Amino acid sequence: MFTKPPASSRKRAVAGAMAVAAATAGMLLATTPAAQAAPGDCTTSSGGSSVSSLCTSGTGQHRIHAVLNPLDPRLPQRIILGNWAPVGQVSVASNPWGAGYVASVWVDRVD
């Protein structure tokens, strides 16, 4: 035959279950990754035989992206891409035709 445990045992069991739940929630919060923000404060430069970008705030990565006009105007434009670089480091793309052929430049960003 089953006997009901005393009220003090039930209270301890409930308190123990609540403590385990609170500890589990605390561990989940402690292991949640930090919020990320796309790279910001990005600048670009173009000169000589390269184009580059540098982002100085946020997290994630960035790369320089440029469109070059062709040497022969009958040919299509050319896209050049730099390396993916973390915030604080420079992304560089080689520009074989020189600064005078850069049609547009922008920065691709991922967080």
PDB file of N, CA and C in Angstrom:
ATOM      1  N   MET A   1       0.826  -1.167   0.000  1.00  0.00           N
ATOM      2  CA  MET A   1       0.000   0.000   0.000  1.00  0.00           C
ATOM      3  C   MET A   1       0.877   1.240   0.000  1.00  0.00           C
ATOM      4  N   PHE A   2       0.489   2.245  -0.758  1.00  0.00           N
ATOM      5  CA  PHE A   2       1.269   3.478  -0.903  1.00  0.00           C
ATOM      6  C   PHE A   2       0.838   4.474   0.157  1.00  0.00           C
ATOM      7  N   THR A   3       1.849   5.067   0.812  1.00  0.00           N
ATOM      8  CA  THR A   3       1.552   6.113   1.795  1.00  0.00           C
ATOM      9  C   THR A   3       2.066   7.434   1.265  1.00  0.00           C
ATOM     10  N   LYS A   4       1.338   8.457   1.528  1.00  0.00           N
ATOM     11  CA  LYS A   4       1.667   9.803   1.074  1.00  0.00           C
ATOM     12  C   LYS A   4       2.853  10.322   1.869  1.00  0.00           C
ATOM     13  N   PRO A   5       3.941  10.863   1.184  1.00  0.00           N
ATOM     14  CA  PRO A   5       5.083  11.396   1.933  1.00  0.00           C
ATOM     15  C   PRO A   5       4.658  12.635   2.715  1.00  0.00           C
ATOM     16  N   PRO A   6       5.395  12.936   3.756  1.00  0.00           N
ATOM     17  CA  PRO A   6       5.058  14.112   4.542  1.00  0.00           C
ATOM     18  C   PRO A   6       5.196  15.381   3.698  1.00  0.00           C
ATOM     19  N   ALA A   7       4.481  16.450   4.093  1.00  0.00           N
ATOM     20  CA  ALA A   7       4.472  17.714   3.365  1.00  0.00           C
ATOM     21  C   ALA A   7       5.868  18.300   3.235  1.00  0.00           C
ATOM     22  N   SER A   8       6.717  18.143   4.236  1.00  0.00           N
ATOM     23  CA  SER A   8       8.068  18.701   4.179  1.00  0.00           C
ATOM     24  C   SER A   8       8.885  18.031   3.085  1.00  0.00           C
ATOM     25  N   SER A   9       8.689  16.747   2.829  1.00  0.00           N
ATOM     26  CA  SER A   9       9.411  16.050   1.758  1.00  0.00           C
ATOM     27  C   SER A   9       8.969  16.560   0.393  1.00  0.00           C
ATOM     28  N   ARG A  10       7.650  16.817   0.251  1.00  0.00           N
ATOM     29  CA  ARG A  10       7.139  17.326  -1.026  1.00  0.00           C
ATOM     30  C   ARG A  10       7.694  18.721  -1.293  1.00  0.00           C
ATOM     31  N   LYS A  11       7.770  19.561  -0.277  1.00  0.00           N
ATOM     32  CA  LYS A  11       8.301  20.917  -0.429  1.00  0.00           C
ATOM     33  C   LYS A  11       9.768  20.877  -0.834  1.00  0.00           C
ATOM     34  N   ARG A  12      10.529  19.947  -0.218  1.00  0.00           N
ATOM     35  CA  ARG A  12      11.948  19.825  -0.583  1.00  0.00           C
ATOM     36  C   ARG A  12      12.085  19.356  -2.026  1.00  0.00           C
ATOM     37  N   ALA A  13      11.236  18.445  -2.468  1.00  0.00           N
ATOM     38  CA  ALA A  13      11.294  17.942  -3.840  1.00  0.00           C
ATOM     39  C   ALA A  13      10.979  19.062  -4.833  1.00  0.00           C
ATOM     40  N   VAL A  14       9.956  19.864  -4.531  1.00  0.00           N
ATOM     41  CA  VAL A  14       9.605  20.984  -5.405  1.00  0.00           C
ATOM     42  C   VAL A  14      10.737  22.000  -5.428  1.00  0.00           C
ATOM     43  N   ALA A  15      11.298  22.310  -4.264  1.00  0.00           N
ATOM     44  CA  ALA A  15      12.409  23.267  -4.198  1.00  0.00           C
ATOM     45  C   ALA A  15      13.613  22.742  -4.964  1.00  0.00           C
ATOM     46  N   GLY A  16      13.877  21.455  -4.871  1.00  0.00           N
ATOM     47  CA  GLY A  16      14.998  20.856  -5.602  1.00  0.00           C
ATOM     48  C   GLY A  16      14.773  20.930  -7.099  1.00  0.00           C
ATOM     49  N   ALA A  17      13.536  20.648  -7.544  1.00  0.00           N
ATOM     50  CA  ALA A  17      13.227  20.727  -8.975  1.00  0.00           C
ATOM     51  C   ALA A  17      13.369  22.156  -9.484  1.00  0.00           C
ATOM     52  N   MET A  18      12.940  23.119  -8.676  1.00  0.00           N
ATOM     53  CA  MET A  18      13.078  24.521  -9.076  1.00  0.00           C
ATOM     54  C   MET A  18      14.545  24.928  -9.162  1.00  0.00           C
ATOM     55  N   ALA A  19      15.363  24.436  -8.245  1.00  0.00           N
ATOM     56  CA  ALA A  19      16.792  24.760  -8.270  1.00  0.00           C
ATOM     57  C   ALA A  19      17.449  24.196  -9.521  1.00  0.00           C
ATOM     58  N   VAL A  20      17.081  22.960  -9.889  1.00  0.00           N
ATOM     59  CA  VAL A  20      17.637  22.351 -11.099  1.00  0.00           C
ATOM     60  C   VAL A  20      17.210  23.151 -12.332  1.00  0.00           C
ATOM     61  N   ALA A  21      15.939  23.555 -12.399  1.00  0.00           N
ATOM     62  CA  ALA A  21      15.458  24.340 -13.536  1.00  0.00           C
ATOM     63  C   ALA A  21      16.183  25.677 -13.628  1.00  0.00           C
ATOM     64  N   ALA A  22      16.386  26.339 -12.489  1.00  0.00           N
ATOM     65  CA  ALA A  22      17.090  27.623 -12.488  1.00  0.00           C
ATOM     66  C   ALA A  22      18.538  27.450 -12.926  1.00  0.00           C
ATOM     67  N   ALA A  23      19.193  26.402 -12.466  1.00  0.00           N
ATOM     68  CA  ALA A  23      20.587  26.162 -12.853  1.00  0.00           C
ATOM     69  C   ALA A  23      20.691  25.868 -14.346  1.00  0.00           C
ATOM     70  N   THR A  24      19.729  25.093 -14.861  1.00  0.00           N
ATOM     71  CA  THR A  24      19.732  24.786 -16.294  1.00  0.00           C
ATOM     72  C   THR A  24      19.541  26.054 -17.118  1.00  0.00           C
ATOM     73  N   ALA A  25      18.605  26.898 -16.717  1.00  0.00           N
ATOM     74  CA  ALA A  25      18.376  28.160 -17.429  1.00  0.00           C
ATOM     75  C   ALA A  25      19.621  29.039 -17.376  1.00  0.00           C
ATOM     76  N   GLY A  26      20.290  29.073 -16.236  1.00  0.00           N
ATOM     77  CA  GLY A  26      21.515  29.860 -16.106  1.00  0.00           C
ATOM     78  C   GLY A  26      22.608  29.366 -17.028  1.00  0.00           C
ATOM     79  N   MET A  27      22.738  28.047 -17.153  1.00  0.00           N
ATOM     80  CA  MET A  27      23.761  27.493 -18.053  1.00  0.00           C
ATOM     81  C   MET A  27      23.444  27.821 -19.500  1.00  0.00           C
ATOM     82  N   LEU A  28      22.156  27.774 -19.872  1.00  0.00           N
ATOM     83  CA  LEU A  28      21.781  28.110 -21.245  1.00  0.00           C
ATOM     84  C   LEU A  28      22.094  29.566 -21.556  1.00  0.00           C
ATOM     85  N   LEU A  29      21.824  30.459 -20.620  1.00  0.00           N
ATOM     86  CA  LEU A  29      22.134  31.867 -20.839  1.00  0.00           C
ATOM     87  C   LEU A  29      23.636  32.097 -20.929  1.00  0.00           C
ATOM     88  N   ALA A  30      24.399  31.369 -20.133  1.00  0.00           N
ATOM     89  CA  ALA A  30      25.854  31.545 -20.124  1.00  0.00           C
ATOM     90  C   ALA A  30      26.486  31.059 -21.422  1.00  0.00           C
ATOM     91  N   THR A  31      25.848  30.092 -22.093  1.00  0.00           N
ATOM     92  CA  THR A  31      26.446  29.545 -23.314  1.00  0.00           C
ATOM     93  C   THR A  31      25.858  30.149 -24.582  1.00  0.00           C
ATOM     94  N   THR A  32      24.921  31.077 -24.471  1.00  0.00           N
ATOM     95  CA  THR A  32      24.350  31.735 -25.643  1.00  0.00           C
ATOM     96  C   THR A  32      25.415  32.616 -26.282  1.00  0.00           C
ATOM     97  N   PRO A  33      25.624  32.491 -27.604  1.00  0.00           N
ATOM     98  CA  PRO A  33      26.646  33.321 -28.241  1.00  0.00           C
ATOM     99  C   PRO A  33      26.287  34.804 -28.150  1.00  0.00           C
ATOM    100  N   ALA A  34      27.308  35.627 -28.153  1.00  0.00           N
ATOM    101  CA  ALA A  34      27.109  37.074 -28.105  1.00  0.00           C
ATOM    102  C   ALA A  34      26.423  37.537 -29.385  1.00  0.00           C
ATOM    103  N   ALA A  35      25.610  38.537 -29.262  1.00  0.00           N
ATOM    104  CA  ALA A  35      24.941  39.095 -30.433  1.00  0.00           C
ATOM    105  C   ALA A  35      25.992  39.651 -31.394  1.00  0.00           C
ATOM    106  N   GLN A  36      25.747  39.459 -32.665  1.00  0.00           N
ATOM    107  CA  GLN A  36      26.692  39.947 -33.658  1.00  0.00           C
ATOM    108  C   GLN A  36      26.067  41.077 -34.461  1.00  0.00           C
ATOM    109  N   ALA A  37      26.892  41.933 -34.938  1.00  0.00           N
ATOM    110  CA  ALA A  37      26.446  43.031 -35.785  1.00  0.00           C
ATOM    111  C   ALA A  37      27.328  43.049 -37.026  1.00  0.00           C
ATOM    112  N   ALA A  38      26.723  43.333 -38.145  1.00  0.00           N
ATOM    113  CA  ALA A  38      27.494  43.393 -39.383  1.00  0.00           C
ATOM    114  C   ALA A  38      28.608  44.427 -39.247  1.00  0.00           C
ATOM    115  N   PRO A  39      29.719  44.218 -39.940  1.00  0.00           N
ATOM    116  CA  PRO A  39      30.805  45.196 -39.890  1.00  0.00           C
ATOM    117  C   PRO A  39      30.315  46.598 -40.258  1.00  0.00           C
ATOM    118  N   GLY A  40      30.874  47.606 -39.589  1.00  0.00           N
ATOM    119  CA  GLY A  40      30.496  48.984 -39.851  1.00  0.00           C
ATOM    120  C   GLY A  40      31.711  49.884 -39.924  1.00  0.00           C
ATOM    121  N   ASP A  41      31.474  51.158 -40.132  1.00  0.00           N
ATOM    122  CA  ASP A  41      32.545  52.144 -40.267  1.00  0.00           C
ATOM    123  C   ASP A  41      33.566  51.680 -41.303  1.00  0.00           C
ATOM    124  N   CYS A  42      33.058  51.304 -42.470  1.00  0.00           N
ATOM    125  CA  CYS A  42      33.924  50.766 -43.525  1.00  0.00           C
ATOM    126  C   CYS A  42      34.367  51.879 -44.471  1.00  0.00           C
ATOM    127  N   THR A  43      35.618  51.801 -44.871  1.00  0.00           N
ATOM    128  CA  THR A  43      36.165  52.731 -45.856  1.00  0.00           C
ATOM    129  C   THR A  43      36.751  51.924 -47.006  1.00  0.00           C
ATOM    130  N   THR A  44      36.776  52.527 -48.179  1.00  0.00           N
ATOM    131  CA  THR A  44      37.384  51.884 -49.343  1.00  0.00           C
ATOM    132  C   THR A  44      38.467  52.794 -49.889  1.00  0.00           C
ATOM    133  N   SER A  45      39.428  52.185 -50.551  1.00  0.00           N
ATOM    134  CA  SER A  45      40.448  52.975 -51.231  1.00  0.00           C
ATOM    135  C   SER A  45      40.808  52.281 -52.538  1.00  0.00           C
ATOM    136  N   SER A  46      41.180  53.087 -53.505  1.00  0.00           N
ATOM    137  CA  SER A  46      41.535  52.574 -54.812  1.00  0.00           C
ATOM    138  C   SER A  46      42.737  53.357 -55.303  1.00  0.00           C
ATOM    139  N   GLY A  47      43.756  52.633 -55.674  1.00  0.00           N
ATOM    140  CA  GLY A  47      44.942  53.304 -56.183  1.00  0.00           C
ATOM    141  C   GLY A  47      45.910  52.296 -56.754  1.00  0.00           C
ATOM    142  N   GLY A  48      46.572  52.694 -57.786  1.00  0.00           N
ATOM    143  CA  GLY A  48      47.561  51.802 -58.375  1.00  0.00           C
ATOM    144  C   GLY A  48      46.930  50.514 -58.871  1.00  0.00           C
ATOM    145  N   SER A  49      47.451  49.419 -58.408  1.00  0.00           N
ATOM    146  CA  SER A  49      47.002  48.123 -58.909  1.00  0.00           C
ATOM    147  C   SER A  49      46.130  47.362 -57.915  1.00  0.00           C
ATOM    148  N   SER A  50      45.467  48.063 -56.976  1.00  0.00           N
ATOM    149  CA  SER A  50      44.595  47.368 -56.034  1.00  0.00           C
ATOM    150  C   SER A  50      43.475  48.272 -55.535  1.00  0.00           C
ATOM    151  N   VAL A  51      42.434  47.636 -55.018  1.00  0.00           N
ATOM    152  CA  VAL A  51      41.355  48.302 -54.296  1.00  0.00           C
ATOM    153  C   VAL A  51      41.255  47.597 -52.950  1.00  0.00           C
ATOM    154  N   SER A  52      40.837  48.319 -51.908  1.00  0.00           N
ATOM    155  CA  SER A  52      40.796  47.697 -50.584  1.00  0.00           C
ATOM    156  C   SER A  52      39.679  48.278 -49.741  1.00  0.00           C
ATOM    157  N   SER A  53      39.328  47.526 -48.686  1.00  0.00           N
ATOM    158  CA  SER A  53      38.341  47.996 -47.717  1.00  0.00           C
ATOM    159  C   SER A  53      38.856  47.688 -46.321  1.00  0.00           C
ATOM    160  N   LEU A  54      38.405  48.514 -45.368  1.00  0.00           N
ATOM    161  CA  LEU A  54      38.722  48.311 -43.961  1.00  0.00           C
ATOM    162  C   LEU A  54      37.480  48.700 -43.162  1.00  0.00           C
ATOM    163  N   CYS A  55      37.000  47.779 -42.323  1.00  0.00           N
ATOM    164  CA  CYS A  55      35.875  48.051 -41.433  1.00  0.00           C
ATOM    165  C   CYS A  55      36.402  48.025 -40.002  1.00  0.00           C
ATOM    166  N   THR A  56      35.965  48.977 -39.189  1.00  0.00           N
ATOM    167  CA  THR A  56      36.540  49.114 -37.848  1.00  0.00           C
ATOM    168  C   THR A  56      35.551  48.904 -36.715  1.00  0.00           C
ATOM    169  N   SER A  57      34.289  48.595 -37.013  1.00  0.00           N
ATOM    170  CA  SER A  57      33.348  48.327 -35.924  1.00  0.00           C
ATOM    171  C   SER A  57      32.477  47.129 -36.284  1.00  0.00           C
ATOM    172  N   GLY A  58      31.780  46.601 -35.279  1.00  0.00           N
ATOM    173  CA  GLY A  58      30.924  45.441 -35.481  1.00  0.00           C
ATOM    174  C   GLY A  58      31.714  44.154 -35.402  1.00  0.00           C
ATOM    175  N   THR A  59      31.097  43.095 -35.875  1.00  0.00           N
ATOM    176  CA  THR A  59      31.731  41.779 -35.905  1.00  0.00           C
ATOM    177  C   THR A  59      31.521  41.202 -37.295  1.00  0.00           C
ATOM    178  N   GLY A  60      31.982  40.032 -37.508  1.00  0.00           N
ATOM    179  CA  GLY A  60      31.802  39.399 -38.806  1.00  0.00           C
ATOM    180  C   GLY A  60      32.951  39.702 -39.745  1.00  0.00           C
ATOM    181  N   GLN A  61      32.654  39.629 -41.038  1.00  0.00           N
ATOM    182  CA  GLN A  61      33.692  39.798 -42.051  1.00  0.00           C
ATOM    183  C   GLN A  61      33.213  40.724 -43.161  1.00  0.00           C
ATOM    184  N   HIS A  62      34.167  41.214 -43.924  1.00  0.00           N
ATOM    185  CA  HIS A  62      33.880  42.100 -45.052  1.00  0.00           C
ATOM    186  C   HIS A  62      34.836  41.777 -46.180  1.00  0.00           C
ATOM    187  N   ARG A  63      34.468  42.220 -47.393  1.00  0.00           N
ATOM    188  CA  ARG A  63      35.387  42.110 -48.538  1.00  0.00           C
ATOM    189  C   ARG A  63      35.106  43.244 -49.507  1.00  0.00           C
ATOM    190  N   ILE A  64      36.136  43.649 -50.195  1.00  0.00           N
ATOM    191  CA  ILE A  64      36.010  44.690 -51.214  1.00  0.00           C
ATOM    192  C   ILE A  64      35.414  44.061 -52.465  1.00  0.00           C
ATOM    193  N   HIS A  65      34.574  44.816 -53.135  1.00  0.00           N
ATOM    194  CA  HIS A  65      33.890  44.352 -54.349  1.00  0.00           C
ATOM    195  C   HIS A  65      33.943  45.520 -55.333  1.00  0.00           C
ATOM    196  N   ALA A  66      34.502  45.297 -56.500  1.00  0.00           N
ATOM    197  CA  ALA A  66      34.635  46.391 -57.470  1.00  0.00           C
ATOM    198  C   ALA A  66      34.261  45.917 -58.870  1.00  0.00           C
ATOM    199  N   VAL A  67      33.816  46.873 -59.650  1.00  0.00           N
ATOM    200  CA  VAL A  67      33.514  46.634 -61.064  1.00  0.00           C
ATOM    201  C   VAL A  67      34.469  47.507 -61.866  1.00  0.00           C
ATOM    202  N   LEU A  68      35.135  46.879 -62.815  1.00  0.00           N
ATOM    203  CA  LEU A  68      36.097  47.600 -63.658  1.00  0.00           C
ATOM    204  C   LEU A  68      35.560  47.743 -65.074  1.00  0.00           C
ATOM    205  N   ASN A  69      35.772  48.908 -65.653  1.00  0.00           N
ATOM    206  CA  ASN A  69      35.491  49.088 -67.062  1.00  0.00           C
ATOM    207  C   ASN A  69      36.591  48.382 -67.845  1.00  0.00           C
ATOM    208  N   PRO A  70      36.270  47.801 -69.003  1.00  0.00           N
ATOM    209  CA  PRO A  70      37.282  47.067 -69.770  1.00  0.00           C
ATOM    210  C   PRO A  70      38.252  48.011 -70.492  1.00  0.00           C
ATOM    211  N   LEU A  71      39.394  47.474 -70.827  1.00  0.00           N
ATOM    212  CA  LEU A  71      40.362  48.227 -71.624  1.00  0.00           C
ATOM    213  C   LEU A  71      39.777  48.515 -73.009  1.00  0.00           C
ATOM    214  N   ASP A  72      39.079  47.536 -73.556  1.00  0.00           N
ATOM    215  CA  ASP A  72      38.409  47.680 -74.852  1.00  0.00           C
ATOM    216  C   ASP A  72      36.921  47.891 -74.563  1.00  0.00           C
ATOM    217  N   PRO A  73      36.351  49.036 -74.897  1.00  0.00           N
ATOM    218  CA  PRO A  73      34.958  49.325 -74.553  1.00  0.00           C
ATOM    219  C   PRO A  73      33.929  48.370 -75.170  1.00  0.00           C
ATOM    220  N   ARG A  74      34.346  47.556 -76.125  1.00  0.00           N
ATOM    221  CA  ARG A  74      33.433  46.575 -76.715  1.00  0.00           C
ATOM    222  C   ARG A  74      33.273  45.351 -75.821  1.00  0.00           C
ATOM    223  N   LEU A  75      34.133  45.203 -74.825  1.00  0.00           N
ATOM    224  CA  LEU A  75      34.090  44.049 -73.924  1.00  0.00           C
ATOM    225  C   LEU A  75      33.264  44.370 -72.681  1.00  0.00           C
ATOM    226  N   PRO A  76      32.791  43.334 -71.978  1.00  0.00           N
ATOM    227  CA  PRO A  76      31.993  43.579 -70.774  1.00  0.00           C
ATOM    228  C   PRO A  76      32.857  44.030 -69.586  1.00  0.00           C
ATOM    229  N   GLN A  77      32.189  44.604 -68.611  1.00  0.00           N
ATOM    230  CA  GLN A  77      32.890  45.000 -67.383  1.00  0.00           C
ATOM    231  C   GLN A  77      33.387  43.751 -66.659  1.00  0.00           C
ATOM    232  N   ARG A  78      34.343  43.970 -65.778  1.00  0.00           N
ATOM    233  CA  ARG A  78      34.949  42.870 -65.013  1.00  0.00           C
ATOM    234  C   ARG A  78      34.713  43.115 -63.524  1.00  0.00           C
ATOM    235  N   ILE A  79      34.369  42.059 -62.802  1.00  0.00           N
ATOM    236  CA  ILE A  79      34.185  42.141 -61.346  1.00  0.00           C
ATOM    237  C   ILE A  79      35.436  41.593 -60.671  1.00  0.00           C
ATOM    238  N   ILE A  80      35.907  42.316 -59.658  1.00  0.00           N
ATOM    239  CA  ILE A  80      37.015  41.800 -58.846  1.00  0.00           C
ATOM    240  C   ILE A  80      36.554  41.783 -57.389  1.00  0.00           C
ATOM    241  N   LEU A  81      36.959  40.741 -56.662  1.00  0.00           N
ATOM    242  CA  LEU A  81      36.573  40.560 -55.271  1.00  0.00           C
ATOM    243  C   LEU A  81      37.819  40.394 -54.419  1.00  0.00           C
ATOM    244  N   GLY A  82      37.795  40.986 -53.239  1.00  0.00           N
ATOM    245  CA  GLY A  82      38.884  40.807 -52.294  1.00  0.00           C
ATOM    246  C   GLY A  82      38.643  39.589 -51.414  1.00  0.00           C
ATOM    247  N   ASN A  83      39.581  39.344 -50.545  1.00  0.00           N
ATOM    248  CA  ASN A  83      39.465  38.260 -49.580  1.00  0.00           C
ATOM    249  C   ASN A  83      38.472  38.653 -48.479  1.00  0.00           C
ATOM    250  N   TRP A  84      37.804  37.663 -47.864  1.00  0.00           N
ATOM    251  CA  TRP A  84      36.984  37.939 -46.686  1.00  0.00           C
ATOM    252  C   TRP A  84      37.938  38.218 -45.536  1.00  0.00           C
ATOM    253  N   ALA A  85      37.734  39.329 -44.847  1.00  0.00           N
ATOM    254  CA  ALA A  85      38.622  39.731 -43.756  1.00  0.00           C
ATOM    255  C   ALA A  85      37.790  40.080 -42.521  1.00  0.00           C
ATOM    256  N   PRO A  86      38.279  39.743 -41.334  1.00  0.00           N
ATOM    257  CA  PRO A  86      37.560  40.135 -40.121  1.00  0.00           C
ATOM    258  C   PRO A  86      37.665  41.638 -39.891  1.00  0.00           C
ATOM    259  N   VAL A  87      36.782  42.157 -39.050  1.00  0.00           N
ATOM    260  CA  VAL A  87      36.815  43.575 -38.690  1.00  0.00           C
ATOM    261  C   VAL A  87      38.212  43.913 -38.164  1.00  0.00           C
ATOM    262  N   GLY A  88      38.743  45.036 -38.625  1.00  0.00           N
ATOM    263  CA  GLY A  88      40.078  45.466 -38.204  1.00  0.00           C
ATOM    264  C   GLY A  88      41.184  45.052 -39.156  1.00  0.00           C
ATOM    265  N   GLN A  89      40.875  44.180 -40.112  1.00  0.00           N
ATOM    266  CA  GLN A  89      41.869  43.774 -41.104  1.00  0.00           C
ATOM    267  C   GLN A  89      41.411  44.220 -42.487  1.00  0.00           C
ATOM    268  N   VAL A  90      42.343  44.330 -43.398  1.00  0.00           N
ATOM    269  CA  VAL A  90      42.075  44.872 -44.734  1.00  0.00           C
ATOM    270  C   VAL A  90      41.748  43.752 -45.717  1.00  0.00           C
ATOM    271  N   SER A  91      40.756  44.005 -46.565  1.00  0.00           N
ATOM    272  CA  SER A  91      40.449  43.135 -47.695  1.00  0.00           C
ATOM    273  C   SER A  91      41.011  43.816 -48.942  1.00  0.00           C
ATOM    274  N   VAL A  92      41.754  43.067 -49.747  1.00  0.00           N
ATOM    275  CA  VAL A  92      42.423  43.646 -50.916  1.00  0.00           C
ATOM    276  C   VAL A  92      42.096  42.820 -52.160  1.00  0.00           C
ATOM    277  N   ALA A  93      41.842  43.522 -53.270  1.00  0.00           N
ATOM    278  CA  ALA A  93      41.653  42.879 -54.570  1.00  0.00           C
ATOM    279  C   ALA A  93      42.629  43.500 -55.558  1.00  0.00           C
ATOM    280  N   SER A  94      43.192  42.662 -56.384  1.00  0.00           N
ATOM    281  CA  SER A  94      44.122  43.124 -57.407  1.00  0.00           C
ATOM    282  C   SER A  94      43.350  43.763 -58.554  1.00  0.00           C
ATOM    283  N   ASN A  95      43.825  44.922 -58.986  1.00  0.00           N
ATOM    284  CA  ASN A  95      43.218  45.650 -60.099  1.00  0.00           C
ATOM    285  C   ASN A  95      44.263  45.741 -61.217  1.00  0.00           C
ATOM    286  N   PRO A  96      44.227  44.803 -62.153  1.00  0.00           N
ATOM    287  CA  PRO A  96      45.277  44.757 -63.176  1.00  0.00           C
ATOM    288  C   PRO A  96      45.244  45.914 -64.168  1.00  0.00           C
ATOM    289  N   TRP A  97      44.143  46.670 -64.227  1.00  0.00           N
ATOM    290  CA  TRP A  97      44.021  47.722 -65.225  1.00  0.00           C
ATOM    291  C   TRP A  97      44.282  49.111 -64.679  1.00  0.00           C
ATOM    292  N   GLY A  98      44.445  49.273 -63.392  1.00  0.00           N
ATOM    293  CA  GLY A  98      44.737  50.584 -62.810  1.00  0.00           C
ATOM    294  C   GLY A  98      43.492  51.327 -62.353  1.00  0.00           C
ATOM    295  N   ALA A  99      43.737  52.346 -61.553  1.00  0.00           N
ATOM    296  CA  ALA A  99      42.658  53.089 -60.898  1.00  0.00           C
ATOM    297  C   ALA A  99      41.700  53.759 -61.879  1.00  0.00           C
ATOM    298  N   GLY A 100      42.164  54.136 -63.035  1.00  0.00           N
ATOM    299  CA  GLY A 100      41.318  54.826 -64.006  1.00  0.00           C
ATOM    300  C   GLY A 100      40.194  53.980 -64.568  1.00  0.00           C
ATOM    301  N   TYR A 101      40.228  52.680 -64.354  1.00  0.00           N
ATOM    302  CA  TYR A 101      39.216  51.789 -64.910  1.00  0.00           C
ATOM    303  C   TYR A 101      38.166  51.352 -63.887  1.00  0.00           C
ATOM    304  N   VAL A 102      38.238  51.837 -62.670  1.00  0.00           N
ATOM    305  CA  VAL A 102      37.274  51.467 -61.629  1.00  0.00           C
ATOM    306  C   VAL A 102      35.954  52.186 -61.886  1.00  0.00           C
ATOM    307  N   ALA A 103      34.891  51.392 -62.119  1.00  0.00           N
ATOM    308  CA  ALA A 103      33.561  51.960 -62.365  1.00  0.00           C
ATOM    309  C   ALA A 103      32.809  52.151 -61.052  1.00  0.00           C
ATOM    310  N   SER A 104      32.896  51.179 -60.141  1.00  0.00           N
ATOM    311  CA  SER A 104      32.236  51.285 -58.840  1.00  0.00           C
ATOM    312  C   SER A 104      32.898  50.359 -57.837  1.00  0.00           C
ATOM    313  N   VAL A 105      32.779  50.745 -56.567  1.00  0.00           N
ATOM    314  CA  VAL A 105      33.395  49.985 -55.469  1.00  0.00           C
ATOM    315  C   VAL A 105      32.428  49.977 -54.297  1.00  0.00           C
ATOM    316  N   TRP A 106      32.287  48.841 -53.637  1.00  0.00           N
ATOM    317  CA  TRP A 106      31.512  48.765 -52.403  1.00  0.00           C
ATOM    318  C   TRP A 106      32.052  47.654 -51.528  1.00  0.00           C
ATOM    319  N   VAL A 107      31.488  47.531 -50.331  1.00  0.00           N
ATOM    320  CA  VAL A 107      31.942  46.541 -49.359  1.00  0.00           C
ATOM    321  C   VAL A 107      30.823  45.540 -49.113  1.00  0.00           C
ATOM    322  N   ASP A 108      31.119  44.247 -49.309  1.00  0.00           N
ATOM    323  CA  ASP A 108      30.201  43.179 -48.927  1.00  0.00           C
ATOM    324  C   ASP A 108      30.429  42.895 -47.452  1.00  0.00           C
ATOM    325  N   ARG A 109      29.346  42.653 -46.702  1.00  0.00           N
ATOM    326  CA  ARG A 109      29.465  42.442 -45.245  1.00  0.00           C
ATOM    327  C   ARG A 109      28.634  41.239 -44.821  1.00  0.00           C
ATOM    328  N   VAL A 110      29.172  40.447 -43.917  1.00  0.00           N
ATOM    329  CA  VAL A 110      28.440  39.341 -43.294  1.00  0.00           C
ATOM    330  C   VAL A 110      28.725  39.352 -41.809  1.00  0.00           C
ATOM    331  N   ASP A 111      27.722  38.977 -41.026  1.00  0.00           N
ATOM    332  CA  ASP A 111      27.956  38.908 -39.581  1.00  0.00           C
ATOM    333  C   ASP A 111      27.985  37.492 -39.096  1.00  0.00           C
TER     334      ASP A 111
END
